[in-house]
Amino acid sequence: MSELKDSLLISIDILSSEDKALLIVGKKKPNKPIEIINAFEGEDAIRLYRKLITKKKVGGLI
């Protein structure tokens, strides 16, 4: 893979139950508006959110 510098924004909304969860992924480039690039619903949204926020020690980075 070639060099990559990117900023992703993640937003989650969990309503009354997990089946109504929504996770949205956006991409932000300098001097441009946020572009929504993907969305996940229900259990997929919850699983992905938990995976993204769980800290792991990998190669001494965290």
Protein backbone atom coordinates (compact mmCIF):
# COMPACT_ATOMS: atom_id res chain seq x y z
CA MET A 1 0.00 0.00 0.00
CA SER A 2 1.26 3.47 -0.82
CA GLU A 3 1.59 6.20 1.80
CA LEU A 4 -1.76 7.21 3.27
CA LYS A 5 -2.81 10.10 5.50
CA ASP A 6 -6.51 10.32 6.20
CA SER A 7 -8.97 11.42 8.88
CA LEU A 8 -12.06 9.36 9.64
CA LEU A 9 -14.91 10.46 11.88
CA ILE A 10 -17.10 7.90 13.62
CA SER A 11 -20.52 8.67 15.05
CA ILE A 12 -22.77 6.23 16.96
CA ASP A 13 -26.37 6.52 18.05
CA ILE A 14 -27.92 3.74 20.12
CA LEU A 15 -31.61 4.26 20.72
CA SER A 16 -33.82 2.21 23.04
CA SER A 17 -32.33 -1.13 21.96
CA GLU A 18 -29.25 -2.42 20.16
CA ASP A 19 -31.26 -3.34 17.07
CA LYS A 20 -31.80 0.41 16.56
CA ALA A 21 -28.09 1.29 16.67
CA LEU A 22 -26.53 3.30 13.85
CA LEU A 23 -22.81 3.89 13.30
CA ILE A 24 -21.78 6.35 10.58
CA VAL A 25 -18.28 6.68 9.11
CA GLY A 26 -17.21 9.97 7.55
CA LYS A 27 -14.04 11.15 5.84
CA LYS A 28 -12.61 14.66 6.27
CA LYS A 29 -10.17 16.24 3.86
CA PRO A 30 -8.57 19.66 4.47
CA ASN A 31 -10.83 22.56 3.45
CA LYS A 32 -13.61 20.17 2.37
CA PRO A 33 -16.89 19.18 4.04
CA ILE A 34 -17.23 15.80 5.72
CA GLU A 35 -18.14 13.02 3.29
CA ILE A 36 -20.23 10.14 4.66
CA ILE A 37 -18.61 6.97 3.32
CA ASN A 38 -20.37 4.14 5.16
CA ALA A 39 -23.03 3.25 7.72
CA PHE A 40 -23.69 0.18 9.86
CA GLU A 41 -26.91 -0.79 11.66
CA GLY A 42 -27.95 -2.97 14.59
CA GLU A 43 -25.54 -5.54 15.99
CA ASP A 44 -22.97 -4.79 13.28
CA ALA A 45 -22.82 -1.17 14.47
CA ILE A 46 -22.39 -2.18 18.12
CA ARG A 47 -19.71 -4.78 17.31
CA LEU A 48 -17.70 -2.38 15.16
CA TYR A 49 -17.96 0.43 17.73
CA ARG A 50 -16.75 -1.84 20.53
CA LYS A 51 -13.88 -3.04 18.36
CA LEU A 52 -12.85 0.53 17.55
CA ILE A 53 -12.88 1.75 21.17
CA THR A 54 -11.21 -1.27 22.80
CA LYS A 55 -7.59 -0.44 23.59
CA LYS A 56 -4.99 -3.03 22.68
CA LYS A 57 -1.27 -3.01 23.09
CA VAL A 58 0.11 -3.78 19.63
CA GLY A 59 3.82 -3.37 19.00
CA GLY A 60 4.13 -0.84 21.82
CA LEU A 61 1.89 1.75 20.10
CA ILE A 62 -0.71 2.08 22.87
